[in-house]
Protein backbone atom coordinates (compact mmCIF):
# COMPACT_ATOMS: atom_id res chain seq x y z
CA MET A 1 -112.91 30.77 53.98
CA LYS A 2 -109.11 31.79 53.52
CA ARG A 3 -109.01 34.97 54.74
CA VAL A 4 -105.28 36.13 53.75
CA LEU A 5 -103.98 39.32 55.19
CA ILE A 6 -101.68 42.27 52.55
CA THR A 7 -99.79 44.26 54.81
CA GLY A 8 -96.73 46.59 53.56
CA MET A 9 -95.78 49.99 53.85
CA SER A 10 -97.22 53.29 52.03
CA GLY A 11 -95.85 52.37 48.41
CA THR A 12 -95.47 49.21 47.49
CA GLY A 13 -98.37 47.91 45.38
CA LYS A 14 -101.38 47.09 49.10
CA SER A 15 -104.40 48.54 46.46
CA SER A 16 -103.22 47.35 44.08
CA LEU A 17 -102.85 45.08 44.41
CA LEU A 18 -105.82 44.35 45.81
CA ASP A 19 -107.61 45.78 42.28
CA GLU A 20 -106.32 43.33 41.23
CA LEU A 21 -107.49 40.86 43.01
CA ALA A 22 -111.17 41.54 43.18
CA ALA A 23 -111.15 42.35 39.27
CA ARG A 24 -110.26 38.59 38.65
CA GLY A 25 -112.98 37.33 41.37
CA TYR A 26 -111.30 37.76 44.31
CA ARG A 27 -112.98 39.09 47.62
CA THR A 28 -110.88 41.68 48.29
CA VAL A 29 -111.50 44.55 51.30
CA ASP A 30 -109.07 47.44 51.15
CA THR A 31 -109.30 48.48 55.29
CA ASP A 32 -108.24 52.10 54.63
CA TYR A 33 -111.86 52.93 53.62
CA GLY A 34 -114.95 52.11 55.48
CA GLY A 35 -115.04 52.87 58.16
CA TYR A 36 -112.17 50.12 59.76
CA PHE A 37 -109.47 51.82 61.05
CA GLN A 38 -109.39 54.72 63.89
CA VAL A 39 -107.23 57.60 64.94
CA ILE A 40 -106.55 57.30 68.30
CA ASP A 41 -103.73 60.22 70.10
CA GLY A 42 -102.48 60.45 66.90
CA GLU A 43 -102.04 56.66 65.34
CA SER A 44 -104.36 55.22 63.06
CA LEU A 45 -105.84 51.87 64.66
CA TRP A 46 -107.87 48.99 63.58
CA ARG A 47 -111.24 48.79 64.97
CA GLU A 48 -111.40 45.60 66.94
CA ASP A 49 -114.84 45.08 66.31
CA ARG A 50 -114.82 46.31 62.82
CA ILE A 51 -112.08 43.81 61.70
CA GLY A 52 -113.36 40.51 64.09
CA ALA A 53 -117.17 41.70 62.14
CA LEU A 54 -115.70 41.26 58.70
CA LEU A 55 -113.01 38.42 59.58
CA SER A 56 -116.02 35.99 61.24
CA SER A 57 -118.07 36.66 57.61
CA ALA A 58 -115.90 34.91 56.12
CA PRO A 59 -117.20 31.26 57.20
CA ASP A 60 -114.12 28.83 57.60
CA GLU A 61 -116.79 26.46 55.03
CA LEU A 62 -117.16 29.05 52.09
CA PRO A 63 -114.87 28.61 49.47
CA GLY A 64 -112.81 30.58 48.30
CA VAL A 65 -110.41 33.44 49.32
CA LEU A 66 -111.09 36.70 51.41
CA PHE A 67 -108.16 39.39 50.79
CA VAL A 68 -107.98 42.10 53.63
CA GLN A 69 -105.35 45.17 53.26
CA GLY A 70 -103.56 46.59 55.91
CA THR A 71 -100.45 48.24 57.70
CA THR A 72 -101.60 49.25 61.03
CA ARG A 73 -100.29 48.57 64.93
CA ASN A 74 -102.64 46.17 66.50
CA GLN A 75 -103.08 44.25 63.20
CA VAL A 76 -100.19 41.66 65.58
CA LEU A 77 -103.42 41.11 67.51
CA PHE A 78 -105.59 39.21 64.66
CA TYR A 79 -103.14 37.71 62.79
CA PRO A 80 -104.47 33.81 64.94
CA ARG A 81 -107.40 34.59 62.30
CA PHE A 82 -105.77 35.19 59.05
CA ASP A 83 -104.56 31.38 56.94
CA HIS A 84 -101.48 33.40 55.31
CA ILE A 85 -100.07 37.43 55.64
CA VAL A 86 -98.71 38.77 52.97
CA LEU A 87 -95.70 41.50 53.52
CA LEU A 88 -95.70 43.93 50.09
CA SER A 89 -92.27 44.99 49.52
CA ALA A 90 -90.01 47.32 47.79
CA PRO A 91 -87.27 49.72 47.28
CA PRO A 92 -86.91 52.59 49.13
CA GLU A 93 -85.72 55.01 45.72
CA ILE A 94 -88.97 52.76 44.54
CA LEU A 95 -91.53 54.16 47.51
CA ALA A 96 -90.56 57.33 47.07
CA GLU A 97 -91.21 57.54 43.34
CA ARG A 98 -94.73 55.86 43.37
CA LEU A 99 -95.42 57.95 47.06
CA ALA A 100 -94.20 60.93 44.26
CA ALA A 101 -96.41 60.15 41.33
CA ARG A 102 -99.54 58.68 43.08
CA THR A 103 -103.11 60.09 42.30
CA ALA A 104 -105.82 58.10 44.57
CA ASN A 105 -104.15 58.53 47.98
CA PRO A 106 -102.73 61.45 48.32
CA TYR A 107 -100.10 60.38 51.63
CA GLY A 108 -97.01 60.40 51.49
CA LYS A 109 -96.41 63.31 48.81
CA ASP A 110 -95.30 65.89 51.47
CA PRO A 111 -91.74 65.26 52.70
CA ALA A 112 -92.59 64.26 56.22
CA GLU A 113 -95.10 61.30 55.13
CA LEU A 114 -92.22 60.67 53.31
CA ALA A 115 -89.78 60.43 56.28
CA GLU A 116 -92.24 58.77 58.05
CA THR A 117 -92.82 55.78 55.86
CA LEU A 118 -89.16 55.57 55.20
CA ARG A 119 -87.87 55.37 58.80
CA TYR A 120 -91.10 52.66 59.10
CA GLN A 121 -89.72 51.15 56.27
CA ARG A 122 -86.77 50.09 58.50
CA THR A 123 -87.69 50.29 61.78
CA VAL A 124 -91.46 48.37 61.21
CA GLU A 125 -90.74 46.23 57.69
CA PRO A 126 -89.03 44.10 59.99
CA LEU A 127 -91.69 43.21 62.35
CA LEU A 128 -93.68 42.99 59.27
CA ARG A 129 -91.07 40.39 57.58
CA ALA A 130 -90.97 38.71 60.51
CA SER A 131 -94.71 37.25 60.47
CA ALA A 132 -95.04 37.10 57.21
CA THR A 133 -96.67 33.46 54.98
CA LEU A 134 -94.85 35.08 51.88
CA GLU A 135 -92.85 37.95 50.74
CA VAL A 136 -93.31 39.90 47.43
CA VAL A 137 -90.43 42.46 46.25
CA THR A 138 -93.19 44.34 43.89
CA MET A 139 -90.13 45.39 40.92
CA VAL A 140 -92.35 43.67 38.65
CA PRO A 141 -96.14 43.98 36.85
CA VAL A 142 -99.04 43.50 39.53
CA ALA A 143 -100.57 41.21 37.39
CA GLN A 144 -98.06 38.95 38.22
CA VAL A 145 -97.20 39.82 42.15
CA ALA A 146 -101.16 38.37 42.21
CA ASP A 147 -99.74 35.81 40.34
CA ILE A 148 -97.24 34.03 42.99
CA VAL A 149 -99.12 35.55 45.82
CA LEU A 150 -102.66 33.38 44.06
CA ASP A 151 -100.17 30.75 43.76
CA HIS A 152 -99.24 30.24 46.81
CA VAL A 153 -102.85 30.94 48.77
CA LEU A 154 -104.55 28.94 47.62
């Protein structure tokens, strides 16, 4: 089984992409939910035991793809266990619009959270880009983003 990390800043469409991939029958895990992260000194980090178990639960000999979504500082520890790292990105003004309009997740509506996301876009996104096997600028419909990702990983 292939393991694919979907990463990027808040508002780039990671959750929407996971929903689209799940609707197409792929196994998806959003690590923002289900006990996959813990807060340490105010920072959300992946629980290494839970992520390790998740990635081990998809044996290599099984067909298919496991899509895992998340963006945390300690995700780099797991890069060797992913076959692909897909970075989703969008221009700052689009991120701001999406965060203001989102309904399923309140993060980013507060001006301080928006400022944090835009700061991370300048400082963290280049680090994510350096490790990515594919970057998709999510200025197209989510179905098209899914097609691009699937063409790359299958």
